[in-house]
Each structure stands twice: as structure tokens, then as C-alpha cells.
Amino acid sequence: QLVFFHPWYCFRDGASRFGAESAVEAGAVNDEQDFGAANYARRSPWGMINLLRTPQVRAAQRVIPTGLVYRQNERTLQEVGSAQLEAMLQKRDWKPLAARAPVDRRSNPVFAAADAFRQKQEQQQQ
């Protein structure tokens, strides 16, 4: 599996990739939220390609469903904001992120849902 990174990477379907447009329409979020920050999930100082081994991707997906990881990444990037992310990318200085607390997967609702999903699958297999 190939994953592409680039300094100007932009998801082709923009905010709608994360359900942003429908969330605004439903009133769940306001239209001023920073959905552009999500593009920084694939931005890097230089263009590069990450090669992922399919068996490793499948093993990871058994523990944490992919969609949940995307949502956690989007939330984290929105908290930082595209202006700060762009400044860090231009300077190639990610020290401002060092002060952020790491994601607490035990109390985070995204990962709690993944854990519940995994437990349900294990019960069904027994």
C-alpha cells in the first residue's frame, strides 16, 4: 500500500472527507471550524512515499478500525490549527507539539469505541 506525503497535500474531497459539510448542515459544528487542518495529516517538508506492508496494515486494523484513527487525527489537527501547523511545517520545527499531552487512548471516546468493537469481535469468535 502506498501513502503519499507532500508539502501542499490536500485531500481531493476536502472537508467532506471527514463529514464536515454534513456536520455543519446538521448544526453539530460551526462553519468556522478549521477543517483545512486535516490536510496536514499528509503534509511533510518534502514529497515522499510511505510503503505500508498489507499484512501489517490488516493487523493494525484488527486492533483499531481505520476510520477511528482518521477521526482522532482530524480532532488533534483541528486543535492545533492549520496556521500553527503551517508555521511548523515551514520552519521544520515541531517543538510546539512537545508540550501537548499524548493521546490518552483509554479515556478517548474514539479509542474507547475501538476497544469496545474489538471486544465485541472477540466475543463473537468464541
N, C-alpha and C. Protein backbone atom coordinates (compact mmCIF):
# COMPACT_ATOMS: atom_id res chain seq x y z
N GLN A 1 0.85 -1.17 0.00
CA GLN A 1 0.00 0.00 0.00
C GLN A 1 0.90 1.24 0.00
N LEU A 2 0.59 2.21 -0.83
CA LEU A 2 1.38 3.43 -0.93
C LEU A 2 0.63 4.59 -0.27
N VAL A 3 1.34 5.37 0.53
CA VAL A 3 0.76 6.57 1.14
C VAL A 3 1.66 7.73 0.75
N PHE A 4 1.06 8.74 0.13
CA PHE A 4 1.80 9.88 -0.40
C PHE A 4 1.77 11.06 0.56
N PHE A 5 2.91 11.74 0.69
CA PHE A 5 3.05 12.95 1.51
C PHE A 5 3.67 14.03 0.65
N HIS A 6 3.27 15.28 0.90
CA HIS A 6 3.77 16.40 0.09
C HIS A 6 3.55 17.69 0.89
N PRO A 7 4.40 18.71 0.68
CA PRO A 7 4.23 19.97 1.42
C PRO A 7 2.88 20.66 1.19
N TRP A 8 2.25 20.41 0.04
CA TRP A 8 0.97 21.07 -0.26
C TRP A 8 -0.17 20.07 -0.39
N TYR A 9 -0.02 18.91 0.24
CA TYR A 9 -1.04 17.87 0.10
C TYR A 9 -2.41 18.40 0.51
N CYS A 10 -3.41 18.05 -0.28
CA CYS A 10 -4.79 18.42 0.03
C CYS A 10 -5.68 17.25 -0.39
N PHE A 11 -6.50 16.76 0.54
CA PHE A 11 -7.40 15.68 0.18
C PHE A 11 -8.32 16.15 -0.92
N ARG A 12 -8.53 15.33 -1.92
CA ARG A 12 -9.29 15.75 -3.10
C ARG A 12 -10.72 16.13 -2.79
N ASP A 13 -11.29 15.54 -1.74
CA ASP A 13 -12.67 15.89 -1.40
C ASP A 13 -12.76 16.81 -0.20
N GLY A 14 -11.63 17.37 0.20
CA GLY A 14 -11.59 18.41 1.23
C GLY A 14 -12.31 18.05 2.51
N ALA A 15 -13.01 19.01 3.07
CA ALA A 15 -13.66 18.82 4.37
C ALA A 15 -14.71 17.72 4.32
N SER A 16 -15.33 17.49 3.17
CA SER A 16 -16.37 16.48 3.09
C SER A 16 -15.81 15.09 3.38
N ARG A 17 -14.51 14.91 3.21
CA ARG A 17 -13.88 13.62 3.51
C ARG A 17 -14.13 13.23 4.96
N PHE A 18 -14.21 14.21 5.83
CA PHE A 18 -14.41 13.96 7.24
C PHE A 18 -15.85 14.23 7.66
N GLY A 19 -16.74 14.39 6.71
CA GLY A 19 -18.13 14.66 7.03
C GLY A 19 -18.37 16.07 7.51
N ALA A 20 -17.42 16.97 7.25
CA ALA A 20 -17.51 18.33 7.77
C ALA A 20 -18.72 19.07 7.23
N GLU A 21 -18.97 18.96 5.93
CA GLU A 21 -20.08 19.70 5.35
C GLU A 21 -21.42 19.26 5.94
N SER A 22 -21.62 17.95 6.07
CA SER A 22 -22.88 17.48 6.62
C SER A 22 -22.99 17.81 8.10
N ALA A 23 -21.86 17.84 8.81
CA ALA A 23 -21.89 18.19 10.23
C ALA A 23 -22.28 19.65 10.42
N VAL A 24 -21.81 20.53 9.54
CA VAL A 24 -22.18 21.95 9.61
C VAL A 24 -23.67 22.10 9.31
N GLU A 25 -24.13 21.41 8.26
CA GLU A 25 -25.54 21.49 7.90
C GLU A 25 -26.44 21.00 9.03
N ALA A 26 -25.99 19.96 9.74
CA ALA A 26 -26.79 19.39 10.83
C ALA A 26 -26.69 20.22 12.11
N GLY A 27 -25.80 21.21 12.11
CA GLY A 27 -25.63 22.06 13.29
C GLY A 27 -24.75 21.45 14.36
N ALA A 28 -24.06 20.34 14.04
CA ALA A 28 -23.20 19.69 15.03
C ALA A 28 -21.91 20.46 15.28
N VAL A 29 -21.46 21.20 14.27
CA VAL A 29 -20.27 22.03 14.38
C VAL A 29 -20.56 23.36 13.71
N ASN A 30 -19.73 24.35 13.97
CA ASN A 30 -19.96 25.63 13.29
C ASN A 30 -19.11 25.70 12.03
N ASP A 31 -19.48 26.58 11.13
CA ASP A 31 -18.79 26.66 9.84
C ASP A 31 -17.45 27.37 9.91
N GLU A 32 -17.03 27.75 11.12
CA GLU A 32 -15.73 28.40 11.27
C GLU A 32 -14.66 27.42 11.75
N GLN A 33 -15.02 26.15 11.97
CA GLN A 33 -14.02 25.19 12.41
C GLN A 33 -12.97 25.01 11.33
N ASP A 34 -11.77 24.66 11.76
CA ASP A 34 -10.61 24.59 10.89
C ASP A 34 -10.49 23.21 10.24
N PHE A 35 -11.30 22.96 9.21
CA PHE A 35 -11.23 21.66 8.56
C PHE A 35 -10.00 21.55 7.66
N GLY A 36 -9.39 22.68 7.29
CA GLY A 36 -8.17 22.63 6.49
C GLY A 36 -7.01 21.99 7.22
N ALA A 37 -7.08 21.99 8.55
CA ALA A 37 -6.01 21.38 9.34
C ALA A 37 -5.88 19.89 9.05
N ALA A 38 -6.97 19.24 8.67
CA ALA A 38 -6.93 17.80 8.39
C ALA A 38 -5.96 17.45 7.27
N ASN A 39 -5.74 18.39 6.33
CA ASN A 39 -4.80 18.13 5.24
C ASN A 39 -3.37 17.91 5.74
N TYR A 40 -3.06 18.40 6.93
CA TYR A 40 -1.71 18.26 7.46
C TYR A 40 -1.40 16.84 7.90
N ALA A 41 -2.39 15.97 7.88
CA ALA A 41 -2.14 14.56 8.17
C ALA A 41 -1.22 13.96 7.10
N ARG A 42 -1.22 14.56 5.90
CA ARG A 42 -0.40 14.05 4.80
C ARG A 42 0.61 15.06 4.28
N ARG A 43 0.86 16.09 5.05
CA ARG A 43 1.86 17.07 4.61
C ARG A 43 3.20 16.77 5.26
N SER A 44 4.25 17.05 4.52
CA SER A 44 5.61 16.84 5.01
C SER A 44 6.50 17.89 4.36
N PRO A 45 7.67 18.14 4.94
CA PRO A 45 8.55 19.16 4.34
C PRO A 45 8.98 18.82 2.91
N TRP A 46 9.04 17.54 2.58
CA TRP A 46 9.45 17.08 1.26
C TRP A 46 8.47 16.03 0.78
N GLY A 47 8.32 15.94 -0.53
CA GLY A 47 7.48 14.88 -1.07
C GLY A 47 8.08 13.53 -0.77
N MET A 48 7.26 12.60 -0.36
CA MET A 48 7.77 11.25 -0.09
C MET A 48 6.64 10.25 -0.19
N ILE A 49 7.01 8.99 -0.29
CA ILE A 49 6.06 7.89 -0.36
C ILE A 49 6.37 6.93 0.78
N ASN A 50 5.34 6.58 1.53
CA ASN A 50 5.47 5.62 2.62
C ASN A 50 4.94 4.29 2.11
N LEU A 51 5.74 3.26 2.21
CA LEU A 51 5.32 1.93 1.79
C LEU A 51 4.80 1.17 3.00
N LEU A 52 3.55 0.78 2.96
CA LEU A 52 2.96 0.02 4.06
C LEU A 52 2.79 -1.43 3.62
N ARG A 53 3.16 -2.33 4.48
CA ARG A 53 3.00 -3.75 4.17
C ARG A 53 1.57 -4.16 4.52
N THR A 54 0.90 -4.75 3.56
CA THR A 54 -0.51 -5.11 3.73
C THR A 54 -0.76 -5.95 4.97
N PRO A 55 0.04 -6.98 5.28
CA PRO A 55 -0.23 -7.76 6.49
C PRO A 55 -0.16 -6.91 7.77
N GLN A 56 0.75 -5.95 7.80
CA GLN A 56 0.87 -5.09 8.97
C GLN A 56 -0.33 -4.14 9.08
N VAL A 57 -0.81 -3.64 7.94
CA VAL A 57 -1.98 -2.77 7.94
C VAL A 57 -3.19 -3.55 8.43
N ARG A 58 -3.36 -4.75 7.94
CA ARG A 58 -4.51 -5.57 8.36
C ARG A 58 -4.45 -5.90 9.85
N ALA A 59 -3.25 -6.19 10.35
CA ALA A 59 -3.09 -6.48 11.78
C ALA A 59 -3.46 -5.26 12.62
N ALA A 60 -3.04 -4.09 12.19
CA ALA A 60 -3.37 -2.86 12.92
C ALA A 60 -4.87 -2.58 12.87
N GLN A 61 -5.50 -2.86 11.74
CA GLN A 61 -6.93 -2.61 11.60
C GLN A 61 -7.76 -3.54 12.48
N ARG A 62 -7.21 -4.70 12.83
CA ARG A 62 -7.93 -5.60 13.73
C ARG A 62 -8.02 -5.03 15.13
N VAL A 63 -7.03 -4.22 15.51
CA VAL A 63 -7.00 -3.65 16.85
C VAL A 63 -7.75 -2.33 16.90
N ILE A 64 -7.49 -1.46 15.93
CA ILE A 64 -8.14 -0.15 15.88
C ILE A 64 -8.67 0.06 14.47
N PRO A 65 -10.00 0.07 14.29
CA PRO A 65 -10.55 0.31 12.95
C PRO A 65 -10.05 1.63 12.37
N THR A 66 -9.71 1.61 11.09
CA THR A 66 -9.09 2.74 10.40
C THR A 66 -9.86 4.04 10.55
N GLY A 67 -11.16 4.03 10.40
CA GLY A 67 -11.94 5.26 10.48
C GLY A 67 -11.79 5.97 11.81
N LEU A 68 -11.58 5.22 12.88
CA LEU A 68 -11.42 5.84 14.18
C LEU A 68 -10.10 6.59 14.29
N VAL A 69 -9.07 6.06 13.65
CA VAL A 69 -7.77 6.74 13.66
C VAL A 69 -7.88 8.06 12.90
N TYR A 70 -8.56 8.04 11.74
CA TYR A 70 -8.74 9.27 10.98
C TYR A 70 -9.43 10.34 11.82
N ARG A 71 -10.49 9.93 12.54
CA ARG A 71 -11.23 10.91 13.34
C ARG A 71 -10.38 11.49 14.46
N GLN A 72 -9.56 10.65 15.11
CA GLN A 72 -8.69 11.15 16.17
C GLN A 72 -7.64 12.10 15.58
N ASN A 73 -7.08 11.74 14.44
CA ASN A 73 -6.09 12.62 13.80
C ASN A 73 -6.72 13.96 13.43
N GLU A 74 -7.93 13.92 12.87
CA GLU A 74 -8.61 15.16 12.50
C GLU A 74 -8.84 16.04 13.72
N ARG A 75 -9.30 15.44 14.81
CA ARG A 75 -9.56 16.20 16.03
C ARG A 75 -8.28 16.85 16.54
N THR A 76 -7.21 16.09 16.57
CA THR A 76 -5.93 16.62 17.07
C THR A 76 -5.42 17.74 16.18
N LEU A 77 -5.49 17.57 14.86
CA LEU A 77 -5.02 18.60 13.94
C LEU A 77 -5.87 19.85 14.04
N GLN A 78 -7.17 19.71 14.24
CA GLN A 78 -8.04 20.88 14.40
C GLN A 78 -7.68 21.63 15.67
N GLU A 79 -7.35 20.90 16.74
CA GLU A 79 -6.98 21.56 18.00
C GLU A 79 -5.72 22.40 17.82
N VAL A 80 -4.76 21.88 17.06
CA VAL A 80 -3.52 22.63 16.82
C VAL A 80 -3.81 23.80 15.88
N GLY A 81 -4.57 23.56 14.82
CA GLY A 81 -4.93 24.61 13.87
C GLY A 81 -4.00 24.69 12.68
N SER A 82 -4.56 24.99 11.52
CA SER A 82 -3.77 25.00 10.29
C SER A 82 -2.71 26.09 10.28
N ALA A 83 -2.96 27.21 10.93
CA ALA A 83 -1.95 28.29 10.95
C ALA A 83 -0.69 27.83 11.69
N GLN A 84 -0.87 27.22 12.85
CA GLN A 84 0.29 26.74 13.60
C GLN A 84 0.95 25.57 12.89
N LEU A 85 0.15 24.68 12.30
CA LEU A 85 0.73 23.55 11.56
C LEU A 85 1.55 24.03 10.37
N GLU A 86 1.04 25.04 9.65
CA GLU A 86 1.78 25.58 8.50
C GLU A 86 3.08 26.23 8.96
N ALA A 87 3.04 26.97 10.06
CA ALA A 87 4.26 27.60 10.58
C ALA A 87 5.29 26.55 10.96
N MET A 88 4.84 25.48 11.60
CA MET A 88 5.78 24.42 11.99
C MET A 88 6.35 23.72 10.76
N LEU A 89 5.51 23.51 9.74
CA LEU A 89 5.98 22.87 8.52
C LEU A 89 7.02 23.73 7.82
N GLN A 90 6.76 25.04 7.71
CA GLN A 90 7.69 25.95 7.04
C GLN A 90 9.03 26.02 7.78
N LYS A 91 8.97 26.06 9.11
CA LYS A 91 10.19 26.15 9.92
C LYS A 91 10.84 24.79 10.16
N ARG A 92 10.08 23.73 9.85
CA ARG A 92 10.53 22.37 10.15
C ARG A 92 10.86 22.24 11.64
N ASP A 93 9.98 22.81 12.43
CA ASP A 93 10.16 22.83 13.89
C ASP A 93 8.86 22.39 14.55
N TRP A 94 8.88 21.21 15.13
CA TRP A 94 7.67 20.65 15.74
C TRP A 94 7.73 20.72 17.26
N LYS A 95 8.63 21.54 17.80
CA LYS A 95 8.75 21.68 19.26
C LYS A 95 7.45 22.13 19.93
N PRO A 96 6.64 23.00 19.29
CA PRO A 96 5.38 23.40 19.95
C PRO A 96 4.47 22.21 20.29
N LEU A 97 4.62 21.11 19.57
CA LEU A 97 3.80 19.93 19.86
C LEU A 97 4.29 19.15 21.07
N ALA A 98 5.54 19.38 21.45
CA ALA A 98 6.11 18.63 22.57
C ALA A 98 5.36 18.90 23.88
N ALA A 99 4.78 20.07 24.01
CA ALA A 99 4.05 20.42 25.23
C ALA A 99 2.67 19.78 25.28
N ARG A 100 2.19 19.30 24.16
CA ARG A 100 0.86 18.67 24.14
C ARG A 100 0.90 17.31 24.83
N ALA A 101 -0.12 17.04 25.58
CA ALA A 101 -0.22 15.73 26.23
C ALA A 101 -0.48 14.68 25.15
N PRO A 102 0.10 13.51 25.29
CA PRO A 102 -0.17 12.47 24.30
C PRO A 102 -1.64 12.04 24.37
N VAL A 103 -2.11 11.47 23.31
CA VAL A 103 -3.50 11.00 23.27
C VAL A 103 -3.66 9.90 24.31
N ASP A 104 -4.63 10.07 25.19
CA ASP A 104 -4.93 9.07 26.21
C ASP A 104 -5.95 8.11 25.61
N ARG A 105 -5.47 7.01 25.10
CA ARG A 105 -6.33 6.08 24.39
C ARG A 105 -7.36 5.41 25.30
N ARG A 106 -7.10 5.38 26.59
CA ARG A 106 -8.05 4.74 27.50
C ARG A 106 -9.28 5.59 27.76
N SER A 107 -9.11 6.91 27.79
CA SER A 107 -10.25 7.77 28.08
C SER A 107 -10.82 8.44 26.83
N ASN A 108 -10.11 8.34 25.72
CA ASN A 108 -10.57 8.97 24.48
C ASN A 108 -11.76 8.21 23.91
N PRO A 109 -12.86 8.89 23.61
CA PRO A 109 -14.05 8.18 23.11
C PRO A 109 -13.81 7.45 21.79
N VAL A 110 -12.92 7.97 20.95
CA VAL A 110 -12.64 7.30 19.68
C VAL A 110 -12.01 5.94 19.93
N PHE A 111 -11.01 5.89 20.78
CA PHE A 111 -10.33 4.63 21.05
C PHE A 111 -11.14 3.74 21.98
N ALA A 112 -11.95 4.32 22.83
CA ALA A 112 -12.86 3.52 23.66
C ALA A 112 -13.83 2.76 22.76
N ALA A 113 -14.32 3.43 21.71
CA ALA A 113 -15.21 2.77 20.74
C ALA A 113 -14.48 1.65 20.02
N ALA A 114 -13.23 1.88 19.67
CA ALA A 114 -12.43 0.84 19.01
C ALA A 114 -12.23 -0.35 19.93
N ASP A 115 -11.97 -0.09 21.20
CA ASP A 115 -11.77 -1.17 22.16
C ASP A 115 -13.06 -1.98 22.33
N ALA A 116 -14.20 -1.29 22.41
CA ALA A 116 -15.49 -1.97 22.52
C ALA A 116 -15.75 -2.82 21.27
N PHE A 117 -15.40 -2.28 20.10
CA PHE A 117 -15.56 -3.01 18.84
C PHE A 117 -14.70 -4.27 18.85
N ARG A 118 -13.46 -4.14 19.29
CA ARG A 118 -12.55 -5.29 19.34
C ARG A 118 -13.07 -6.35 20.30
N GLN A 119 -13.54 -5.94 21.47
CA GLN A 119 -14.06 -6.87 22.46
C GLN A 119 -15.29 -7.61 21.92
N LYS A 120 -16.15 -6.89 21.21
CA LYS A 120 -17.34 -7.50 20.63
C LYS A 120 -16.95 -8.56 19.60
N GLN A 121 -15.96 -8.25 18.79
CA GLN A 121 -15.50 -9.21 17.78
C GLN A 121 -14.92 -10.45 18.45
N GLU A 122 -14.15 -10.25 19.52
CA GLU A 122 -13.57 -11.38 20.23
C GLU A 122 -14.65 -12.26 20.83
N GLN A 123 -15.70 -11.66 21.38
CA GLN A 123 -16.81 -12.43 21.95
C GLN A 123 -17.54 -13.23 20.88
N GLN A 124 -17.69 -12.64 19.71
CA GLN A 124 -18.37 -13.34 18.62
C GLN A 124 -17.57 -14.52 18.12
N GLN A 125 -16.24 -14.44 18.23
CA GLN A 125 -15.38 -15.52 17.76
C GLN A 125 -15.32 -16.68 18.73
N GLN A 126 -15.74 -16.46 19.97
CA GLN A 126 -15.66 -17.53 20.99
C GLN A 126 -16.81 -18.47 20.91
